[in-house]
Amino acid sequence: MKLFYATILQDPNKGYFMTNIEKLKNLLENKVIPDLENVIDSIFQDIKDGAEISLGEKEELKELQEMHNECREILIEIEAKEMEEDEAKELLEELLEIISE
């Protein structure tokens, strides 16, 4: 896993280590958002297949959807160049901590 994170936190095309903003964007686009979408899709597939989901699973789905929306909002902020480097560093550290658990 650590090799994957090291790979997405360095841009070989640019030949240098990326800024925290670039690292955050890369992590969101290549790991966090796709993982969230896979879990959300899996839950919806279970529902489609007729599986009953518990109240806890409904709450988890709601939390996953909120997290997905927050990640999308962060990307929008990055694209609009409204994110500061120190804010990106904090968010990046939080995400890496969550992922490593």
PDB file of N, CA and C in Angstrom:
ATOM      1  N   MET A   1       0.803  -1.199   0.000  1.00  0.00           N
ATOM      2  CA  MET A   1       0.000   0.000   0.000  1.00  0.00           C
ATOM      3  C   MET A   1       0.847   1.265   0.000  1.00  0.00           C
ATOM      4  N   LYS A   2       1.932   1.276   0.803  1.00  0.00           N
ATOM      5  CA  LYS A   2       2.745   2.481   0.890  1.00  0.00           C
ATOM      6  C   LYS A   2       3.363   2.824  -0.456  1.00  0.00           C
ATOM      7  N   LEU A   3       3.737   1.825  -1.233  1.00  0.00           N
ATOM      8  CA  LEU A   3       4.301   2.084  -2.555  1.00  0.00           C
ATOM      9  C   LEU A   3       3.277   2.799  -3.431  1.00  0.00           C
ATOM     10  N   PHE A   4       2.016   2.376  -3.346  1.00  0.00           N
ATOM     11  CA  PHE A   4       0.956   3.028  -4.124  1.00  0.00           C
ATOM     12  C   PHE A   4       0.859   4.504  -3.760  1.00  0.00           C
ATOM     13  N   TYR A   5       0.850   4.799  -2.459  1.00  0.00           N
ATOM     14  CA  TYR A   5       0.721   6.186  -2.026  1.00  0.00           C
ATOM     15  C   TYR A   5       1.925   6.999  -2.456  1.00  0.00           C
ATOM     16  N   ALA A   6       3.115   6.400  -2.370  1.00  0.00           N
ATOM     17  CA  ALA A   6       4.310   7.111  -2.819  1.00  0.00           C
ATOM     18  C   ALA A   6       4.213   7.397  -4.309  1.00  0.00           C
ATOM     19  N   THR A   7       3.673   6.466  -5.072  1.00  0.00           N
ATOM     20  CA  THR A   7       3.533   6.638  -6.511  1.00  0.00           C
ATOM     21  C   THR A   7       2.565   7.757  -6.853  1.00  0.00           C
ATOM     22  N   ILE A   8       1.433   7.824  -6.168  1.00  0.00           N
ATOM     23  CA  ILE A   8       0.458   8.857  -6.519  1.00  0.00           C
ATOM     24  C   ILE A   8       0.804  10.213  -5.922  1.00  0.00           C
ATOM     25  N   LEU A   9       1.794  10.259  -5.038  1.00  0.00           N
ATOM     26  CA  LEU A   9       2.182  11.530  -4.445  1.00  0.00           C
ATOM     27  C   LEU A   9       3.406  12.141  -5.130  1.00  0.00           C
ATOM     28  N   GLN A  10       3.860  11.510  -6.195  1.00  0.00           N
ATOM     29  CA  GLN A  10       4.983  12.031  -6.973  1.00  0.00           C
ATOM     30  C   GLN A  10       4.579  11.979  -8.444  1.00  0.00           C
ATOM     31  N   ASP A  11       4.874  13.011  -9.172  1.00  0.00           N
ATOM     32  CA  ASP A  11       4.520  13.067 -10.582  1.00  0.00           C
ATOM     33  C   ASP A  11       5.763  12.837 -11.429  1.00  0.00           C
ATOM     34  N   PRO A  12       5.925  11.623 -11.969  1.00  0.00           N
ATOM     35  CA  PRO A  12       7.126  11.340 -12.752  1.00  0.00           C
ATOM     36  C   PRO A  12       7.197  12.162 -14.043  1.00  0.00           C
ATOM     37  N   ASN A  13       6.072  12.628 -14.532  1.00  0.00           N
ATOM     38  CA  ASN A  13       6.069  13.431 -15.758  1.00  0.00           C
ATOM     39  C   ASN A  13       6.667  14.817 -15.534  1.00  0.00           C
ATOM     40  N   LYS A  14       6.534  15.297 -14.314  1.00  0.00           N
ATOM     41  CA  LYS A  14       7.054  16.623 -14.013  1.00  0.00           C
ATOM     42  C   LYS A  14       8.479  16.556 -13.465  1.00  0.00           C
ATOM     43  N   GLY A  15       8.901  15.370 -12.986  1.00  0.00           N
ATOM     44  CA  GLY A  15      10.254  15.209 -12.501  1.00  0.00           C
ATOM     45  C   GLY A  15      10.512  15.849 -11.148  1.00  0.00           C
ATOM     46  N   TYR A  16       9.479  16.167 -10.408  1.00  0.00           N
ATOM     47  CA  TYR A  16       9.647  16.724  -9.072  1.00  0.00           C
ATOM     48  C   TYR A  16       8.504  16.253  -8.188  1.00  0.00           C
ATOM     49  N   PHE A  17       8.694  16.457  -6.901  1.00  0.00           N
ATOM     50  CA  PHE A  17       7.618  16.120  -5.988  1.00  0.00           C
ATOM     51  C   PHE A  17       6.548  17.197  -6.067  1.00  0.00           C
ATOM     52  N   MET A  18       5.313  16.758  -6.009  1.00  0.00           N
ATOM     53  CA  MET A  18       4.189  17.664  -6.174  1.00  0.00           C
ATOM     54  C   MET A  18       3.947  18.497  -4.917  1.00  0.00           C
ATOM     55  N   THR A  19       3.228  19.589  -5.081  1.00  0.00           N
ATOM     56  CA  THR A  19       2.794  20.395  -3.946  1.00  0.00           C
ATOM     57  C   THR A  19       1.739  19.604  -3.189  1.00  0.00           C
ATOM     58  N   ASN A  20       1.437  20.044  -1.985  1.00  0.00           N
ATOM     59  CA  ASN A  20       0.391  19.378  -1.203  1.00  0.00           C
ATOM     60  C   ASN A  20      -0.959  19.447  -1.909  1.00  0.00           C
ATOM     61  N   ILE A  21      -1.205  20.542  -2.595  1.00  0.00           N
ATOM     62  CA  ILE A  21      -2.462  20.674  -3.340  1.00  0.00           C
ATOM     63  C   ILE A  21      -2.520  19.629  -4.447  1.00  0.00           C
ATOM     64  N   GLU A  22      -1.429  19.465  -5.178  1.00  0.00           N
ATOM     65  CA  GLU A  22      -1.383  18.465  -6.250  1.00  0.00           C
ATOM     66  C   GLU A  22      -1.506  17.048  -5.682  1.00  0.00           C
ATOM     67  N   LYS A  23      -0.842  16.803  -4.548  1.00  0.00           N
ATOM     68  CA  LYS A  23      -0.916  15.494  -3.903  1.00  0.00           C
ATOM     69  C   LYS A  23      -2.353  15.183  -3.477  1.00  0.00           C
ATOM     70  N   LEU A  24      -3.001  16.185  -2.882  1.00  0.00           N
ATOM     71  CA  LEU A  24      -4.375  16.005  -2.426  1.00  0.00           C
ATOM     72  C   LEU A  24      -5.294  15.713  -3.604  1.00  0.00           C
ATOM     73  N   LYS A  25      -5.155  16.484  -4.654  1.00  0.00           N
ATOM     74  CA  LYS A  25      -5.978  16.279  -5.853  1.00  0.00           C
ATOM     75  C   LYS A  25      -5.763  14.880  -6.414  1.00  0.00           C
ATOM     76  N   ASN A  26      -4.529  14.471  -6.508  1.00  0.00           N
ATOM     77  CA  ASN A  26      -4.191  13.161  -7.039  1.00  0.00           C
ATOM     78  C   ASN A  26      -4.757  12.038  -6.163  1.00  0.00           C
ATOM     79  N   LEU A  27      -4.617  12.181  -4.852  1.00  0.00           N
ATOM     80  CA  LEU A  27      -5.132  11.178  -3.933  1.00  0.00           C
ATOM     81  C   LEU A  27      -6.660  11.078  -4.034  1.00  0.00           C
ATOM     82  N   LEU A  28      -7.316  12.218  -4.095  1.00  0.00           N
ATOM     83  CA  LEU A  28      -8.782  12.222  -4.210  1.00  0.00           C
ATOM     84  C   LEU A  28      -9.236  11.575  -5.517  1.00  0.00           C
ATOM     85  N   GLU A  29      -8.606  11.968  -6.612  1.00  0.00           N
ATOM     86  CA  GLU A  29      -9.031  11.489  -7.932  1.00  0.00           C
ATOM     87  C   GLU A  29      -8.685  10.016  -8.175  1.00  0.00           C
ATOM     88  N   ASN A  30      -7.565   9.559  -7.636  1.00  0.00           N
ATOM     89  CA  ASN A  30      -7.084   8.218  -7.964  1.00  0.00           C
ATOM     90  C   ASN A  30      -7.325   7.160  -6.896  1.00  0.00           C
ATOM     91  N   LYS A  31      -7.673   7.587  -5.698  1.00  0.00           N
ATOM     92  CA  LYS A  31      -7.858   6.604  -4.626  1.00  0.00           C
ATOM     93  C   LYS A  31      -9.173   6.813  -3.876  1.00  0.00           C
ATOM     94  N   VAL A  32      -9.319   7.950  -3.254  1.00  0.00           N
ATOM     95  CA  VAL A  32     -10.430   8.158  -2.319  1.00  0.00           C
ATOM     96  C   VAL A  32     -11.786   8.125  -3.022  1.00  0.00           C
ATOM     97  N   ILE A  33     -11.967   8.955  -4.031  1.00  0.00           N
ATOM     98  CA  ILE A  33     -13.266   9.015  -4.712  1.00  0.00           C
ATOM     99  C   ILE A  33     -13.612   7.692  -5.387  1.00  0.00           C
ATOM    100  N   PRO A  34     -12.684   7.076  -6.134  1.00  0.00           N
ATOM    101  CA  PRO A  34     -13.024   5.768  -6.732  1.00  0.00           C
ATOM    102  C   PRO A  34     -13.390   4.706  -5.686  1.00  0.00           C
ATOM    103  N   ASP A  35     -12.674   4.692  -4.557  1.00  0.00           N
ATOM    104  CA  ASP A  35     -12.994   3.728  -3.501  1.00  0.00           C
ATOM    105  C   ASP A  35     -14.385   3.977  -2.926  1.00  0.00           C
ATOM    106  N   LEU A  36     -14.700   5.246  -2.676  1.00  0.00           N
ATOM    107  CA  LEU A  36     -16.031   5.591  -2.171  1.00  0.00           C
ATOM    108  C   LEU A  36     -17.109   5.176  -3.164  1.00  0.00           C
ATOM    109  N   GLU A  37     -16.878   5.468  -4.435  1.00  0.00           N
ATOM    110  CA  GLU A  37     -17.858   5.117  -5.461  1.00  0.00           C
ATOM    111  C   GLU A  37     -18.052   3.607  -5.555  1.00  0.00           C
ATOM    112  N   ASN A  38     -16.984   2.848  -5.407  1.00  0.00           N
ATOM    113  CA  ASN A  38     -17.098   1.387  -5.444  1.00  0.00           C
ATOM    114  C   ASN A  38     -17.938   0.856  -4.292  1.00  0.00           C
ATOM    115  N   VAL A  39     -17.724   1.380  -3.099  1.00  0.00           N
ATOM    116  CA  VAL A  39     -18.492   0.925  -1.940  1.00  0.00           C
ATOM    117  C   VAL A  39     -19.958   1.333  -2.077  1.00  0.00           C
ATOM    118  N   ILE A  40     -20.196   2.575  -2.489  1.00  0.00           N
ATOM    119  CA  ILE A  40     -21.572   3.050  -2.678  1.00  0.00           C
ATOM    120  C   ILE A  40     -22.277   2.211  -3.751  1.00  0.00           C
ATOM    121  N   ASP A  41     -21.606   1.975  -4.864  1.00  0.00           N
ATOM    122  CA  ASP A  41     -22.186   1.154  -5.935  1.00  0.00           C
ATOM    123  C   ASP A  41     -22.499  -0.255  -5.450  1.00  0.00           C
ATOM    124  N   SER A  42     -21.621  -0.803  -4.628  1.00  0.00           N
ATOM    125  CA  SER A  42     -21.826  -2.151  -4.092  1.00  0.00           C
ATOM    126  C   SER A  42     -23.072  -2.216  -3.223  1.00  0.00           C
ATOM    127  N   ILE A  43     -23.265  -1.207  -2.401  1.00  0.00           N
ATOM    128  CA  ILE A  43     -24.456  -1.167  -1.536  1.00  0.00           C
ATOM    129  C   ILE A  43     -25.711  -1.057  -2.393  1.00  0.00           C
ATOM    130  N   PHE A  44     -25.677  -0.183  -3.401  1.00  0.00           N
ATOM    131  CA  PHE A  44     -26.841  -0.046  -4.273  1.00  0.00           C
ATOM    132  C   PHE A  44     -27.102  -1.319  -5.075  1.00  0.00           C
ATOM    133  N   GLN A  45     -26.048  -2.025  -5.458  1.00  0.00           N
ATOM    134  CA  GLN A  45     -26.221  -3.296  -6.169  1.00  0.00           C
ATOM    135  C   GLN A  45     -26.895  -4.329  -5.257  1.00  0.00           C
ATOM    136  N   ASP A  46     -26.503  -4.351  -3.978  1.00  0.00           N
ATOM    137  CA  ASP A  46     -27.136  -5.257  -3.020  1.00  0.00           C
ATOM    138  C   ASP A  46     -28.626  -4.944  -2.890  1.00  0.00           C
ATOM    139  N   ILE A  47     -28.939  -3.652  -2.843  1.00  0.00           N
ATOM    140  CA  ILE A  47     -30.348  -3.241  -2.747  1.00  0.00           C
ATOM    141  C   ILE A  47     -31.093  -3.663  -4.009  1.00  0.00           C
ATOM    142  N   LYS A  48     -30.478  -3.431  -5.154  1.00  0.00           N
ATOM    143  CA  LYS A  48     -31.090  -3.807  -6.433  1.00  0.00           C
ATOM    144  C   LYS A  48     -31.337  -5.309  -6.503  1.00  0.00           C
ATOM    145  N   ASP A  49     -30.399  -6.077  -5.928  1.00  0.00           N
ATOM    146  CA  ASP A  49     -30.524  -7.532  -5.936  1.00  0.00           C
ATOM    147  C   ASP A  49     -31.521  -8.048  -4.910  1.00  0.00           C
ATOM    148  N   GLY A  50     -32.166  -7.134  -4.200  1.00  0.00           N
ATOM    149  CA  GLY A  50     -33.209  -7.520  -3.271  1.00  0.00           C
ATOM    150  C   GLY A  50     -32.777  -7.675  -1.830  1.00  0.00           C
ATOM    151  N   ALA A  51     -31.542  -7.358  -1.532  1.00  0.00           N
ATOM    152  CA  ALA A  51     -31.063  -7.477  -0.154  1.00  0.00           C
ATOM    153  C   ALA A  51     -31.646  -6.351   0.688  1.00  0.00           C
ATOM    154  N   GLU A  52     -32.041  -6.712   1.873  1.00  0.00           N
ATOM    155  CA  GLU A  52     -32.515  -5.713   2.829  1.00  0.00           C
ATOM    156  C   GLU A  52     -31.296  -5.113   3.522  1.00  0.00           C
ATOM    157  N   ILE A  53     -31.304  -3.817   3.720  1.00  0.00           N
ATOM    158  CA  ILE A  53     -30.196  -3.217   4.449  1.00  0.00           C
ATOM    159  C   ILE A  53     -30.702  -2.681   5.781  1.00  0.00           C
ATOM    160  N   SER A  54     -29.853  -2.805   6.772  1.00  0.00           N
ATOM    161  CA  SER A  54     -30.226  -2.399   8.122  1.00  0.00           C
ATOM    162  C   SER A  54     -30.162  -0.881   8.264  1.00  0.00           C
ATOM    163  N   LEU A  55     -30.646  -0.409   9.386  1.00  0.00           N
ATOM    164  CA  LEU A  55     -30.594   1.018   9.683  1.00  0.00           C
ATOM    165  C   LEU A  55     -29.141   1.479   9.736  1.00  0.00           C
ATOM    166  N   GLY A  56     -28.271   0.651  10.302  1.00  0.00           N
ATOM    167  CA  GLY A  56     -26.850   0.981  10.367  1.00  0.00           C
ATOM    168  C   GLY A  56     -26.235   1.099   8.987  1.00  0.00           C
ATOM    169  N   GLU A  57     -26.621   0.194   8.089  1.00  0.00           N
ATOM    170  CA  GLU A  57     -26.113   0.247   6.718  1.00  0.00           C
ATOM    171  C   GLU A  57     -26.639   1.477   5.980  1.00  0.00           C
ATOM    172  N   LYS A  58     -27.882   1.865   6.275  1.00  0.00           N
ATOM    173  CA  LYS A  58     -28.438   3.084   5.667  1.00  0.00           C
ATOM    174  C   LYS A  58     -27.662   4.307   6.134  1.00  0.00           C
ATOM    175  N   GLU A  59     -27.318   4.320   7.433  1.00  0.00           N
ATOM    176  CA  GLU A  59     -26.531   5.430   7.973  1.00  0.00           C
ATOM    177  C   GLU A  59     -25.141   5.459   7.338  1.00  0.00           C
ATOM    178  N   GLU A  60     -24.537   4.271   7.180  1.00  0.00           N
ATOM    179  CA  GLU A  60     -23.221   4.180   6.554  1.00  0.00           C
ATOM    180  C   GLU A  60     -23.279   4.701   5.115  1.00  0.00           C
ATOM    181  N   LEU A  61     -24.317   4.318   4.384  1.00  0.00           N
ATOM    182  CA  LEU A  61     -24.484   4.788   3.015  1.00  0.00           C
ATOM    183  C   LEU A  61     -24.594   6.307   2.972  1.00  0.00           C
ATOM    184  N   LYS A  62     -25.374   6.858   3.886  1.00  0.00           N
ATOM    185  CA  LYS A  62     -25.536   8.312   3.951  1.00  0.00           C
ATOM    186  C   LYS A  62     -24.192   8.980   4.231  1.00  0.00           C
ATOM    187  N   GLU A  63     -23.414   8.431   5.162  1.00  0.00           N
ATOM    188  CA  GLU A  63     -22.107   8.997   5.488  1.00  0.00           C
ATOM    189  C   GLU A  63     -21.147   8.904   4.305  1.00  0.00           C
ATOM    190  N   LEU A  64     -21.169   7.773   3.609  1.00  0.00           N
ATOM    191  CA  LEU A  64     -20.316   7.602   2.434  1.00  0.00           C
ATOM    192  C   LEU A  64     -20.671   8.607   1.343  1.00  0.00           C
ATOM    193  N   GLN A  65     -21.966   8.821   1.135  1.00  0.00           N
ATOM    194  CA  GLN A  65     -22.410   9.786   0.130  1.00  0.00           C
ATOM    195  C   GLN A  65     -21.985  11.206   0.518  1.00  0.00           C
ATOM    196  N   GLU A  66     -22.086  11.533   1.810  1.00  0.00           N
ATOM    197  CA  GLU A  66     -21.662  12.857   2.269  1.00  0.00           C
ATOM    198  C   GLU A  66     -20.159  13.039   2.081  1.00  0.00           C
ATOM    199  N   MET A  67     -19.390  11.986   2.396  1.00  0.00           N
ATOM    200  CA  MET A  67     -17.943  12.046   2.230  1.00  0.00           C
ATOM    201  C   MET A  67     -17.587  12.216   0.749  1.00  0.00           C
ATOM    202  N   HIS A  68     -18.309  11.510  -0.105  1.00  0.00           N
ATOM    203  CA  HIS A  68     -18.097  11.626  -1.550  1.00  0.00           C
ATOM    204  C   HIS A  68     -18.354  13.064  -2.005  1.00  0.00           C
ATOM    205  N   ASN A  69     -19.444  13.647  -1.542  1.00  0.00           N
ATOM    206  CA  ASN A  69     -19.769  15.031  -1.900  1.00  0.00           C
ATOM    207  C   ASN A  69     -18.705  16.000  -1.397  1.00  0.00           C
ATOM    208  N   GLU A  70     -18.207  15.776  -0.169  1.00  0.00           N
ATOM    209  CA  GLU A  70     -17.165  16.633   0.378  1.00  0.00           C
ATOM    210  C   GLU A  70     -15.889  16.542  -0.463  1.00  0.00           C
ATOM    211  N   CYS A  71     -15.544  15.347  -0.882  1.00  0.00           N
ATOM    212  CA  CYS A  71     -14.358  15.164  -1.730  1.00  0.00           C
ATOM    213  C   CYS A  71     -14.526  15.899  -3.051  1.00  0.00           C
ATOM    214  N   ARG A  72     -15.701  15.822  -3.635  1.00  0.00           N
ATOM    215  CA  ARG A  72     -15.970  16.546  -4.888  1.00  0.00           C
ATOM    216  C   ARG A  72     -15.860  18.054  -4.683  1.00  0.00           C
ATOM    217  N   GLU A  73     -16.350  18.539  -3.534  1.00  0.00           N
ATOM    218  CA  GLU A  73     -16.272  19.967  -3.239  1.00  0.00           C
ATOM    219  C   GLU A  73     -14.819  20.413  -3.079  1.00  0.00           C
ATOM    220  N   ILE A  74     -13.988  19.552  -2.480  1.00  0.00           N
ATOM    221  CA  ILE A  74     -12.568  19.868  -2.347  1.00  0.00           C
ATOM    222  C   ILE A  74     -11.930  19.981  -3.724  1.00  0.00           C
ATOM    223  N   LEU A  75     -12.268  19.062  -4.626  1.00  0.00           N
ATOM    224  CA  LEU A  75     -11.729  19.127  -5.986  1.00  0.00           C
ATOM    225  C   LEU A  75     -12.148  20.415  -6.693  1.00  0.00           C
ATOM    226  N   ILE A  76     -13.386  20.812  -6.491  1.00  0.00           N
ATOM    227  CA  ILE A  76     -13.870  22.064  -7.088  1.00  0.00           C
ATOM    228  C   ILE A  76     -13.071  23.244  -6.545  1.00  0.00           C
ATOM    229  N   GLU A  77     -12.818  23.230  -5.244  1.00  0.00           N
ATOM    230  CA  GLU A  77     -12.039  24.297  -4.617  1.00  0.00           C
ATOM    231  C   GLU A  77     -10.612  24.326  -5.175  1.00  0.00           C
ATOM    232  N   ILE A  78     -10.037  23.133  -5.376  1.00  0.00           N
ATOM    233  CA  ILE A  78      -8.690  23.053  -5.947  1.00  0.00           C
ATOM    234  C   ILE A  78      -8.680  23.589  -7.373  1.00  0.00           C
ATOM    235  N   GLU A  79      -9.637  23.155  -8.179  1.00  0.00           N
ATOM    236  CA  GLU A  79      -9.704  23.598  -9.577  1.00  0.00           C
ATOM    237  C   GLU A  79      -9.905  25.109  -9.689  1.00  0.00           C
ATOM    238  N   ALA A  80     -10.631  25.679  -8.725  1.00  0.00           N
ATOM    239  CA  ALA A  80     -10.873  27.120  -8.730  1.00  0.00           C
ATOM    240  C   ALA A  80      -9.694  27.891  -8.126  1.00  0.00           C
ATOM    241  N   LYS A  81      -8.650  27.152  -7.730  1.00  0.00           N
ATOM    242  CA  LYS A  81      -7.443  27.737  -7.125  1.00  0.00           C
ATOM    243  C   LYS A  81      -7.768  28.510  -5.856  1.00  0.00           C
ATOM    244  N   GLU A  82      -8.733  27.983  -5.092  1.00  0.00           N
ATOM    245  CA  GLU A  82      -9.140  28.606  -3.841  1.00  0.00           C
ATOM    246  C   GLU A  82      -8.560  27.899  -2.616  1.00  0.00           C
ATOM    247  N   MET A  83      -7.779  26.856  -2.835  1.00  0.00           N
ATOM    248  CA  MET A  83      -7.207  26.081  -1.731  1.00  0.00           C
ATOM    249  C   MET A  83      -5.808  26.592  -1.420  1.00  0.00           C
ATOM    250  N   GLU A  84      -5.550  26.776  -0.130  1.00  0.00           N
ATOM    251  CA  GLU A  84      -4.225  27.174   0.327  1.00  0.00           C
ATOM    252  C   GLU A  84      -3.389  25.923   0.570  1.00  0.00           C
ATOM    253  N   GLU A  85      -2.096  26.058   0.432  1.00  0.00           N
ATOM    254  CA  GLU A  85      -1.171  24.934   0.585  1.00  0.00           C
ATOM    255  C   GLU A  85      -1.249  24.308   1.977  1.00  0.00           C
ATOM    256  N   ASP A  86      -1.358  25.144   3.021  1.00  0.00           N
ATOM    257  CA  ASP A  86      -1.427  24.604   4.382  1.00  0.00           C
ATOM    258  C   ASP A  86      -2.739  23.857   4.633  1.00  0.00           C
ATOM    259  N   GLU A  87      -3.817  24.330   4.052  1.00  0.00           N
ATOM    260  CA  GLU A  87      -5.106  23.637   4.169  1.00  0.00           C
ATOM    261  C   GLU A  87      -5.039  22.289   3.455  1.00  0.00           C
ATOM    262  N   ALA A  88      -4.414  22.268   2.299  1.00  0.00           N
ATOM    263  CA  ALA A  88      -4.255  21.018   1.549  1.00  0.00           C
ATOM    264  C   ALA A  88      -3.412  20.026   2.342  1.00  0.00           C
ATOM    265  N   LYS A  89      -2.373  20.517   2.997  1.00  0.00           N
ATOM    266  CA  LYS A  89      -1.509  19.648   3.790  1.00  0.00           C
ATOM    267  C   LYS A  89      -2.300  18.989   4.920  1.00  0.00           C
ATOM    268  N   GLU A  90      -3.117  19.769   5.618  1.00  0.00           N
ATOM    269  CA  GLU A  90      -3.938  19.227   6.708  1.00  0.00           C
ATOM    270  C   GLU A  90      -4.915  18.173   6.192  1.00  0.00           C
ATOM    271  N   LEU A  91      -5.601  18.468   5.101  1.00  0.00           N
ATOM    272  CA  LEU A  91      -6.557  17.526   4.525  1.00  0.00           C
ATOM    273  C   LEU A  91      -5.854  16.257   4.042  1.00  0.00           C
ATOM    274  N   LEU A  92      -4.707  16.426   3.437  1.00  0.00           N
ATOM    275  CA  LEU A  92      -3.926  15.294   2.946  1.00  0.00           C
ATOM    276  C   LEU A  92      -3.517  14.394   4.102  1.00  0.00           C
ATOM    277  N   GLU A  93      -3.029  14.981   5.177  1.00  0.00           N
ATOM    278  CA  GLU A  93      -2.633  14.197   6.348  1.00  0.00           C
ATOM    279  C   GLU A  93      -3.822  13.440   6.935  1.00  0.00           C
ATOM    280  N   GLU A  94      -4.972  14.098   7.019  1.00  0.00           N
ATOM    281  CA  GLU A  94      -6.176  13.446   7.536  1.00  0.00           C
ATOM    282  C   GLU A  94      -6.585  12.271   6.662  1.00  0.00           C
ATOM    283  N   LEU A  95      -6.597  12.476   5.357  1.00  0.00           N
ATOM    284  CA  LEU A  95      -6.978  11.402   4.441  1.00  0.00           C
ATOM    285  C   LEU A  95      -6.011  10.225   4.493  1.00  0.00           C
ATOM    286  N   LEU A  96      -4.721  10.515   4.548  1.00  0.00           N
ATOM    287  CA  LEU A  96      -3.737   9.445   4.619  1.00  0.00           C
ATOM    288  C   LEU A  96      -3.872   8.651   5.914  1.00  0.00           C
ATOM    289  N   GLU A  97      -4.211   9.345   6.997  1.00  0.00           N
ATOM    290  CA  GLU A  97      -4.433   8.663   8.277  1.00  0.00           C
ATOM    291  C   GLU A  97      -5.655   7.758   8.191  1.00  0.00           C
ATOM    292  N   ILE A  98      -6.725   8.244   7.596  1.00  0.00           N
ATOM    293  CA  ILE A  98      -7.953   7.440   7.447  1.00  0.00           C
ATOM    294  C   ILE A  98      -7.682   6.227   6.583  1.00  0.00           C
ATOM    295  N   ILE A  99      -6.973   6.428   5.489  1.00  0.00           N
ATOM    296  CA  ILE A  99      -6.689   5.332   4.548  1.00  0.00           C
ATOM    297  C   ILE A  99      -5.819   4.264   5.191  1.00  0.00           C
ATOM    298  N   SER A 100      -4.872   4.704   6.027  1.00  0.00           N
ATOM    299  CA  SER A 100      -3.942   3.742   6.608  1.00  0.00           C
ATOM    300  C   SER A 100      -4.555   2.911   7.725  1.00  0.00           C
ATOM    301  N   GLU A 101      -5.729   3.283   8.212  1.00  0.00           N
ATOM    302  CA  GLU A 101      -6.386   2.529   9.284  1.00  0.00           C
ATOM    303  C   GLU A 101      -6.927   1.215   8.817  1.00  0.00           C
TER     304      GLU A 101
END
